[in-house]
């Protein structure tokens, strides 16, 4: 018997197959609910630093340009009740999105932090459609923009 790898009573020495007795998981590892690739709602709430369910911020306004001649939406964020810490979380951890018009032209680029994954259309619905007439939203995936 290898004393480093095997336990004398046959118990799981490294906790590989079992959650420890002090685990806060409702389900132990190997449970189909945890194997689904989704994060349980209880853990999303526990680890999310957001004060809102999601937060997005526009980082590049493709219509206004860079000369200041047109008002820019850079820095616009949502939802309306989002706090500065939410915007910071979106800027540092959010997924890149692009709002696109009817003709396929890019209107804006931004970042969305959405721990639940339930609000992927929020920048389009909260801001893009009513302010620019955006028709769709796309996300960066493997170097390309992928529409939802």
N, C-alpha and C. Protein backbone atom coordinates (compact mmCIF):
# COMPACT_ATOMS: atom_id res chain seq x y z
N UNK A 1 0.85 -1.18 0.00
CA UNK A 1 0.00 0.00 0.00
C UNK A 1 0.88 1.23 0.00
N UNK A 2 0.53 2.22 -0.80
CA UNK A 2 1.24 3.49 -0.85
C UNK A 2 0.58 4.43 0.14
N UNK A 3 1.30 4.80 1.21
CA UNK A 3 0.70 5.61 2.27
C UNK A 3 0.31 7.01 1.80
N UNK A 4 0.91 7.48 0.72
CA UNK A 4 0.58 8.81 0.24
C UNK A 4 -0.71 8.84 -0.57
N UNK A 5 -1.04 7.74 -1.22
CA UNK A 5 -2.19 7.74 -2.10
C UNK A 5 -3.37 6.95 -1.56
N UNK A 6 -3.11 5.91 -0.80
CA UNK A 6 -4.18 5.05 -0.31
C UNK A 6 -4.44 5.31 1.16
N UNK A 7 -5.67 5.22 1.54
CA UNK A 7 -6.00 5.33 2.96
C UNK A 7 -6.25 3.92 3.48
N UNK A 8 -5.90 3.66 4.70
CA UNK A 8 -6.00 2.30 5.22
C UNK A 8 -7.44 1.79 5.28
N UNK A 9 -8.41 2.65 5.47
CA UNK A 9 -9.79 2.17 5.60
C UNK A 9 -10.56 2.20 4.29
N UNK A 10 -9.89 2.55 3.20
CA UNK A 10 -10.54 2.58 1.89
C UNK A 10 -11.32 3.85 1.64
N UNK A 11 -11.25 4.81 2.54
CA UNK A 11 -11.96 6.08 2.34
C UNK A 11 -11.29 6.87 1.23
N UNK A 12 -12.00 7.80 0.69
CA UNK A 12 -11.47 8.65 -0.38
C UNK A 12 -10.45 9.61 0.22
N UNK A 13 -9.14 9.41 -0.03
CA UNK A 13 -8.12 10.21 0.64
C UNK A 13 -8.06 11.66 0.21
N UNK A 14 -8.39 11.95 -1.03
CA UNK A 14 -8.24 13.32 -1.50
C UNK A 14 -9.56 14.03 -1.73
N UNK A 15 -10.64 13.41 -1.42
CA UNK A 15 -11.94 14.03 -1.63
C UNK A 15 -12.29 14.14 -3.10
N UNK A 16 -11.67 13.29 -3.92
CA UNK A 16 -11.87 13.40 -5.36
C UNK A 16 -13.31 13.14 -5.74
N UNK A 17 -13.96 12.17 -5.13
CA UNK A 17 -15.31 11.83 -5.53
C UNK A 17 -16.39 12.36 -4.62
N UNK A 18 -16.03 12.97 -3.53
CA UNK A 18 -17.02 13.39 -2.55
C UNK A 18 -16.81 14.83 -2.15
N UNK A 19 -17.88 15.53 -1.86
CA UNK A 19 -17.78 16.87 -1.30
C UNK A 19 -17.46 16.74 0.18
N UNK A 20 -16.63 17.62 0.71
CA UNK A 20 -16.33 17.53 2.14
C UNK A 20 -17.58 17.78 2.96
N UNK A 21 -17.54 17.29 4.22
CA UNK A 21 -18.69 17.43 5.10
C UNK A 21 -19.10 18.88 5.30
N UNK A 22 -18.16 19.81 5.18
CA UNK A 22 -18.48 21.22 5.40
C UNK A 22 -18.83 21.94 4.10
N UNK A 23 -19.05 21.19 3.03
CA UNK A 23 -19.38 21.78 1.74
C UNK A 23 -20.73 22.47 1.80
N UNK A 24 -20.83 23.61 1.12
CA UNK A 24 -22.10 24.32 1.05
C UNK A 24 -22.87 23.94 -0.21
N UNK A 25 -22.33 23.02 -0.98
CA UNK A 25 -23.03 22.58 -2.17
C UNK A 25 -24.23 21.72 -1.78
N UNK A 26 -25.35 21.99 -2.38
CA UNK A 26 -26.53 21.17 -2.12
C UNK A 26 -26.37 19.81 -2.78
N UNK A 27 -25.59 19.75 -3.84
CA UNK A 27 -25.37 18.52 -4.58
C UNK A 27 -23.88 18.22 -4.57
N UNK A 28 -23.53 16.97 -4.46
CA UNK A 28 -22.14 16.58 -4.45
C UNK A 28 -21.61 16.49 -5.87
N UNK A 29 -20.27 16.59 -6.05
CA UNK A 29 -19.70 16.42 -7.40
C UNK A 29 -20.13 15.09 -7.99
N UNK A 30 -20.37 15.08 -9.28
CA UNK A 30 -20.86 13.90 -9.96
C UNK A 30 -22.37 13.92 -10.13
N UNK A 31 -23.04 14.80 -9.38
CA UNK A 31 -24.49 14.96 -9.50
C UNK A 31 -24.78 15.52 -10.89
N UNK A 32 -25.75 14.97 -11.62
CA UNK A 32 -26.06 15.46 -12.98
C UNK A 32 -26.38 16.95 -13.02
N UNK A 33 -26.96 17.49 -11.96
CA UNK A 33 -27.29 18.92 -11.95
C UNK A 33 -26.02 19.78 -12.04
N UNK A 34 -24.94 19.31 -11.43
CA UNK A 34 -23.69 20.06 -11.47
C UNK A 34 -22.88 19.77 -12.73
N UNK A 35 -23.18 18.70 -13.39
CA UNK A 35 -22.44 18.31 -14.59
C UNK A 35 -23.01 18.96 -15.84
N UNK A 36 -24.01 19.81 -15.72
CA UNK A 36 -24.70 20.36 -16.88
C UNK A 36 -23.93 21.47 -17.57
N UNK A 37 -22.89 22.01 -16.95
CA UNK A 37 -22.16 23.11 -17.56
C UNK A 37 -22.71 24.46 -17.18
N UNK A 38 -23.73 24.49 -16.35
CA UNK A 38 -24.28 25.76 -15.89
C UNK A 38 -23.94 25.95 -14.42
N UNK A 39 -23.94 27.19 -14.02
CA UNK A 39 -23.65 27.51 -12.63
C UNK A 39 -24.97 27.62 -11.88
N UNK A 40 -25.11 26.92 -10.76
CA UNK A 40 -26.36 27.02 -9.99
C UNK A 40 -26.62 28.45 -9.56
N UNK A 41 -27.90 28.85 -9.55
CA UNK A 41 -28.28 30.21 -9.20
C UNK A 41 -27.71 30.65 -7.86
N UNK A 42 -27.67 29.76 -6.88
CA UNK A 42 -27.16 30.12 -5.56
C UNK A 42 -25.70 30.55 -5.63
N UNK A 43 -24.92 29.90 -6.49
CA UNK A 43 -23.51 30.27 -6.62
C UNK A 43 -23.34 31.55 -7.41
N UNK A 44 -24.18 31.78 -8.42
CA UNK A 44 -24.12 33.02 -9.20
C UNK A 44 -24.33 34.19 -8.26
N UNK A 45 -25.37 34.11 -7.43
CA UNK A 45 -25.68 35.19 -6.50
C UNK A 45 -24.55 35.39 -5.50
N UNK A 46 -23.95 34.31 -5.03
CA UNK A 46 -22.91 34.40 -4.01
C UNK A 46 -21.64 35.05 -4.55
N UNK A 47 -21.28 34.75 -5.78
CA UNK A 47 -20.01 35.23 -6.30
C UNK A 47 -20.10 36.49 -7.15
N UNK A 48 -21.27 36.89 -7.53
CA UNK A 48 -21.42 38.09 -8.33
C UNK A 48 -21.29 39.32 -7.46
N UNK A 49 -20.51 40.28 -7.93
CA UNK A 49 -20.34 41.51 -7.17
C UNK A 49 -21.29 42.59 -7.66
N UNK A 50 -22.16 42.26 -8.59
CA UNK A 50 -23.08 43.24 -9.15
C UNK A 50 -24.21 43.58 -8.19
N UNK A 51 -24.68 44.82 -8.27
CA UNK A 51 -25.88 45.22 -7.54
C UNK A 51 -27.11 45.06 -8.43
N UNK A 52 -26.90 44.76 -9.70
CA UNK A 52 -27.97 44.52 -10.67
C UNK A 52 -27.74 43.14 -11.29
N UNK A 53 -28.73 42.55 -11.94
CA UNK A 53 -28.56 41.21 -12.52
C UNK A 53 -27.50 41.16 -13.63
N UNK A 54 -27.25 42.28 -14.28
CA UNK A 54 -26.28 42.37 -15.37
C UNK A 54 -25.83 43.82 -15.48
N UNK A 55 -24.77 44.06 -16.24
CA UNK A 55 -24.35 45.44 -16.52
C UNK A 55 -23.63 45.46 -17.86
N UNK A 56 -23.93 46.48 -18.66
CA UNK A 56 -23.26 46.67 -19.95
C UNK A 56 -22.74 48.10 -20.02
N UNK A 57 -21.73 48.29 -20.85
CA UNK A 57 -21.18 49.64 -21.06
C UNK A 57 -20.70 49.75 -22.50
N UNK A 58 -20.98 50.89 -23.13
CA UNK A 58 -20.51 51.16 -24.50
C UNK A 58 -19.06 51.64 -24.39
N UNK A 59 -18.17 50.99 -25.11
CA UNK A 59 -16.75 51.36 -25.09
C UNK A 59 -16.30 52.05 -26.37
N UNK A 60 -17.06 51.86 -27.44
CA UNK A 60 -16.70 52.49 -28.71
C UNK A 60 -17.97 52.81 -29.49
N UNK A 61 -18.16 54.08 -29.80
CA UNK A 61 -19.30 54.54 -30.59
C UNK A 61 -18.82 54.66 -32.03
N UNK A 62 -19.27 53.76 -32.88
CA UNK A 62 -18.80 53.71 -34.26
C UNK A 62 -19.46 54.76 -35.14
N UNK A 63 -20.50 55.41 -34.66
CA UNK A 63 -21.18 56.45 -35.42
C UNK A 63 -20.60 57.83 -35.14
N UNK A 64 -20.23 58.09 -33.90
CA UNK A 64 -19.78 59.43 -33.51
C UNK A 64 -18.36 59.72 -33.97
N UNK A 65 -17.58 58.71 -34.18
CA UNK A 65 -16.20 58.96 -34.55
C UNK A 65 -15.38 59.44 -33.36
N UNK A 66 -14.22 59.96 -33.65
CA UNK A 66 -13.29 60.32 -32.59
C UNK A 66 -12.99 61.81 -32.51
N UNK A 67 -13.58 62.61 -33.41
CA UNK A 67 -13.22 64.02 -33.44
C UNK A 67 -14.07 64.90 -32.53
N UNK A 68 -15.11 64.33 -31.92
CA UNK A 68 -15.94 65.09 -31.00
C UNK A 68 -17.02 65.91 -31.68
N UNK A 69 -17.13 65.83 -32.99
CA UNK A 69 -18.13 66.61 -33.72
C UNK A 69 -19.55 66.12 -33.42
N UNK A 70 -19.71 64.84 -33.19
CA UNK A 70 -21.00 64.24 -32.85
C UNK A 70 -20.97 63.79 -31.39
N UNK A 71 -22.09 63.90 -30.68
CA UNK A 71 -22.14 63.37 -29.31
C UNK A 71 -21.85 61.87 -29.32
N UNK A 72 -21.10 61.42 -28.36
CA UNK A 72 -20.71 60.02 -28.30
C UNK A 72 -21.44 59.31 -27.17
N UNK A 73 -21.71 58.04 -27.40
CA UNK A 73 -22.35 57.20 -26.38
C UNK A 73 -21.32 56.45 -25.54
N UNK A 74 -20.03 56.68 -25.78
CA UNK A 74 -19.00 55.99 -25.01
C UNK A 74 -19.20 56.31 -23.53
N UNK A 75 -19.21 55.26 -22.73
CA UNK A 75 -19.42 55.41 -21.29
C UNK A 75 -20.86 55.21 -20.87
N UNK A 76 -21.80 55.22 -21.83
CA UNK A 76 -23.20 54.95 -21.49
C UNK A 76 -23.28 53.53 -20.98
N UNK A 77 -24.02 53.33 -19.90
CA UNK A 77 -24.12 52.00 -19.31
C UNK A 77 -25.55 51.71 -18.89
N UNK A 78 -25.81 50.48 -18.60
CA UNK A 78 -27.14 50.10 -18.16
C UNK A 78 -27.09 48.78 -17.42
N UNK A 79 -28.16 48.44 -16.74
CA UNK A 79 -29.41 49.16 -16.67
C UNK A 79 -29.25 50.48 -15.91
N UNK A 80 -30.31 51.27 -15.90
CA UNK A 80 -30.23 52.61 -15.30
C UNK A 80 -29.79 52.59 -13.85
N UNK A 81 -30.14 51.56 -13.10
CA UNK A 81 -29.77 51.50 -11.69
C UNK A 81 -28.37 50.94 -11.45
N UNK A 82 -27.61 50.66 -12.50
CA UNK A 82 -26.24 50.15 -12.34
C UNK A 82 -25.37 51.18 -11.64
N UNK A 83 -24.54 50.71 -10.74
CA UNK A 83 -23.64 51.58 -9.98
C UNK A 83 -22.25 51.54 -10.59
N UNK A 84 -21.38 52.49 -10.22
CA UNK A 84 -20.02 52.50 -10.78
C UNK A 84 -19.27 51.17 -10.60
N UNK A 85 -19.48 50.47 -9.50
CA UNK A 85 -18.81 49.18 -9.32
C UNK A 85 -19.30 48.16 -10.34
N UNK A 86 -20.58 48.25 -10.73
CA UNK A 86 -21.12 47.35 -11.76
C UNK A 86 -20.46 47.63 -13.11
N UNK A 87 -20.32 48.91 -13.44
CA UNK A 87 -19.68 49.30 -14.70
C UNK A 87 -18.24 48.81 -14.72
N UNK A 88 -17.55 48.94 -13.60
CA UNK A 88 -16.16 48.46 -13.51
C UNK A 88 -16.11 46.95 -13.75
N UNK A 89 -17.04 46.22 -13.17
CA UNK A 89 -17.09 44.76 -13.37
C UNK A 89 -17.32 44.43 -14.84
N UNK A 90 -18.21 45.17 -15.50
CA UNK A 90 -18.47 44.94 -16.92
C UNK A 90 -17.22 45.23 -17.75
N UNK A 91 -16.52 46.31 -17.43
CA UNK A 91 -15.32 46.68 -18.19
C UNK A 91 -14.19 45.69 -18.01
N UNK A 92 -14.08 45.11 -16.84
CA UNK A 92 -12.95 44.20 -16.58
C UNK A 92 -13.26 42.74 -16.88
N UNK A 93 -14.52 42.34 -16.74
CA UNK A 93 -14.86 40.91 -16.87
C UNK A 93 -15.91 40.61 -17.92
N UNK A 94 -16.47 41.63 -18.53
CA UNK A 94 -17.58 41.41 -19.46
C UNK A 94 -17.17 40.87 -20.81
N UNK A 95 -18.14 40.28 -21.50
CA UNK A 95 -17.95 39.81 -22.87
C UNK A 95 -18.09 40.98 -23.82
N UNK A 96 -17.31 40.98 -24.90
CA UNK A 96 -17.42 42.02 -25.92
C UNK A 96 -18.67 41.78 -26.77
N UNK A 97 -19.43 42.84 -27.00
CA UNK A 97 -20.57 42.77 -27.88
C UNK A 97 -20.48 43.89 -28.91
N UNK A 98 -21.24 43.72 -29.98
CA UNK A 98 -21.33 44.74 -31.03
C UNK A 98 -22.78 44.90 -31.42
N UNK A 99 -23.25 46.14 -31.42
CA UNK A 99 -24.60 46.45 -31.88
C UNK A 99 -24.53 46.71 -33.38
N UNK A 100 -25.47 46.12 -34.12
CA UNK A 100 -25.43 46.15 -35.58
C UNK A 100 -26.76 46.68 -36.12
N UNK A 101 -26.67 47.53 -37.15
CA UNK A 101 -27.86 48.09 -37.79
C UNK A 101 -28.46 47.15 -38.81
N UNK A 102 -29.58 47.58 -39.41
CA UNK A 102 -30.29 46.76 -40.41
C UNK A 102 -29.41 46.37 -41.59
N UNK A 103 -28.57 47.26 -42.03
CA UNK A 103 -27.71 46.98 -43.18
C UNK A 103 -26.46 46.19 -42.84
N UNK A 104 -26.29 45.84 -41.59
CA UNK A 104 -25.13 45.06 -41.18
C UNK A 104 -23.96 45.89 -40.69
N UNK A 105 -24.12 47.22 -40.72
CA UNK A 105 -23.03 48.10 -40.26
C UNK A 105 -22.97 48.11 -38.74
N UNK A 106 -21.76 48.09 -38.22
CA UNK A 106 -21.56 48.18 -36.78
C UNK A 106 -21.90 49.57 -36.28
N UNK A 107 -22.59 49.63 -35.15
CA UNK A 107 -22.98 50.91 -34.55
C UNK A 107 -22.19 51.23 -33.29
N UNK A 108 -21.91 50.20 -32.51
CA UNK A 108 -21.18 50.40 -31.25
C UNK A 108 -20.59 49.08 -30.79
N UNK A 109 -19.56 49.19 -29.97
CA UNK A 109 -18.93 48.04 -29.33
C UNK A 109 -18.97 48.31 -27.83
N UNK A 110 -19.14 47.27 -27.07
CA UNK A 110 -19.18 47.42 -25.63
C UNK A 110 -18.89 46.11 -24.94
N UNK A 111 -19.13 46.11 -23.63
CA UNK A 111 -18.92 44.90 -22.84
C UNK A 111 -20.12 44.67 -21.95
N UNK A 112 -20.50 43.41 -21.81
CA UNK A 112 -21.62 43.00 -20.97
C UNK A 112 -21.13 41.99 -19.95
N UNK A 113 -21.42 42.26 -18.68
CA UNK A 113 -21.17 41.28 -17.62
C UNK A 113 -22.53 40.76 -17.19
N UNK A 114 -22.74 39.48 -17.41
CA UNK A 114 -24.03 38.85 -17.16
C UNK A 114 -23.80 37.47 -16.55
N UNK A 115 -23.61 37.39 -15.23
CA UNK A 115 -23.28 36.11 -14.61
C UNK A 115 -24.31 35.01 -14.87
N UNK A 116 -25.57 35.35 -14.98
CA UNK A 116 -26.60 34.34 -15.17
C UNK A 116 -26.70 33.88 -16.62
N UNK A 117 -26.27 34.71 -17.56
CA UNK A 117 -26.39 34.39 -18.98
C UNK A 117 -27.79 34.61 -19.52
N UNK A 118 -28.65 35.23 -18.74
CA UNK A 118 -30.04 35.43 -19.15
C UNK A 118 -30.30 36.77 -19.82
N UNK A 119 -29.29 37.63 -19.93
CA UNK A 119 -29.51 39.00 -20.40
C UNK A 119 -28.64 39.37 -21.59
N UNK A 120 -28.38 38.42 -22.47
CA UNK A 120 -27.48 38.66 -23.60
C UNK A 120 -27.99 39.74 -24.55
N UNK A 121 -29.28 39.96 -24.60
CA UNK A 121 -29.86 40.96 -25.50
C UNK A 121 -30.05 42.31 -24.82
N UNK A 122 -29.67 42.43 -23.57
CA UNK A 122 -29.92 43.65 -22.79
C UNK A 122 -29.36 44.92 -23.44
N UNK A 123 -28.10 44.95 -23.92
CA UNK A 123 -27.62 46.19 -24.54
C UNK A 123 -28.46 46.60 -25.76
N UNK A 124 -28.91 45.63 -26.53
CA UNK A 124 -29.76 45.89 -27.69
C UNK A 124 -31.12 46.42 -27.25
N UNK A 125 -31.72 45.74 -26.28
CA UNK A 125 -33.06 46.12 -25.85
C UNK A 125 -33.07 47.38 -24.98
N UNK A 126 -32.06 47.55 -24.12
CA UNK A 126 -32.01 48.70 -23.22
C UNK A 126 -31.62 50.00 -23.94
N UNK A 127 -30.77 49.89 -24.95
CA UNK A 127 -30.18 51.10 -25.53
C UNK A 127 -30.11 51.11 -27.05
N UNK A 128 -29.57 50.06 -27.63
CA UNK A 128 -29.28 50.06 -29.06
C UNK A 128 -30.46 50.23 -29.98
N UNK A 129 -31.53 49.54 -29.69
CA UNK A 129 -32.71 49.60 -30.57
C UNK A 129 -33.36 50.98 -30.53
N UNK A 130 -33.55 51.54 -29.33
CA UNK A 130 -34.28 52.81 -29.24
C UNK A 130 -33.41 54.02 -29.58
N UNK A 131 -32.11 53.96 -29.41
CA UNK A 131 -31.25 55.10 -29.70
C UNK A 131 -30.65 55.10 -31.10
N UNK A 132 -30.40 53.92 -31.66
CA UNK A 132 -29.78 53.84 -32.98
C UNK A 132 -30.58 53.01 -33.98
N UNK A 133 -31.63 52.38 -33.55
CA UNK A 133 -32.36 51.48 -34.43
C UNK A 133 -31.60 50.21 -34.71
N UNK A 134 -30.76 49.80 -33.77
CA UNK A 134 -29.97 48.57 -33.94
C UNK A 134 -30.90 47.39 -34.14
N UNK A 135 -30.51 46.50 -35.02
CA UNK A 135 -31.34 45.35 -35.36
C UNK A 135 -30.89 44.08 -34.66
N UNK A 136 -29.61 43.98 -34.33
CA UNK A 136 -29.11 42.77 -33.70
C UNK A 136 -27.88 43.05 -32.85
N UNK A 137 -27.54 42.05 -32.06
CA UNK A 137 -26.34 42.12 -31.23
C UNK A 137 -25.50 40.89 -31.54
N UNK A 138 -24.20 41.07 -31.57
CA UNK A 138 -23.27 39.97 -31.83
C UNK A 138 -22.22 39.96 -30.73
N UNK A 139 -21.66 38.79 -30.45
CA UNK A 139 -20.63 38.64 -29.42
C UNK A 139 -19.36 38.08 -30.04
N UNK A 140 -18.22 38.48 -29.48
CA UNK A 140 -16.92 37.98 -29.94
C UNK A 140 -16.79 36.53 -29.54
N UNK A 141 -16.48 35.68 -30.52
CA UNK A 141 -16.25 34.27 -30.26
C UNK A 141 -15.16 33.79 -31.20
N UNK A 142 -14.05 33.42 -30.63
CA UNK A 142 -12.90 32.92 -31.39
C UNK A 142 -12.47 33.89 -32.48
N UNK A 143 -12.47 35.19 -32.14
CA UNK A 143 -11.97 36.22 -33.04
C UNK A 143 -12.97 36.77 -34.04
N UNK A 144 -14.19 36.24 -34.04
CA UNK A 144 -15.22 36.70 -34.98
C UNK A 144 -16.45 37.16 -34.22
N UNK A 145 -17.24 38.01 -34.86
CA UNK A 145 -18.51 38.44 -34.30
C UNK A 145 -19.57 37.41 -34.66
N UNK A 146 -20.22 36.86 -33.64
CA UNK A 146 -21.27 35.86 -33.83
C UNK A 146 -22.61 36.44 -33.39
N UNK A 147 -23.55 36.65 -34.32
CA UNK A 147 -24.86 37.20 -33.93
C UNK A 147 -25.63 36.18 -33.08
N UNK A 148 -26.48 36.71 -32.21
CA UNK A 148 -27.37 35.82 -31.43
C UNK A 148 -28.52 35.36 -32.28
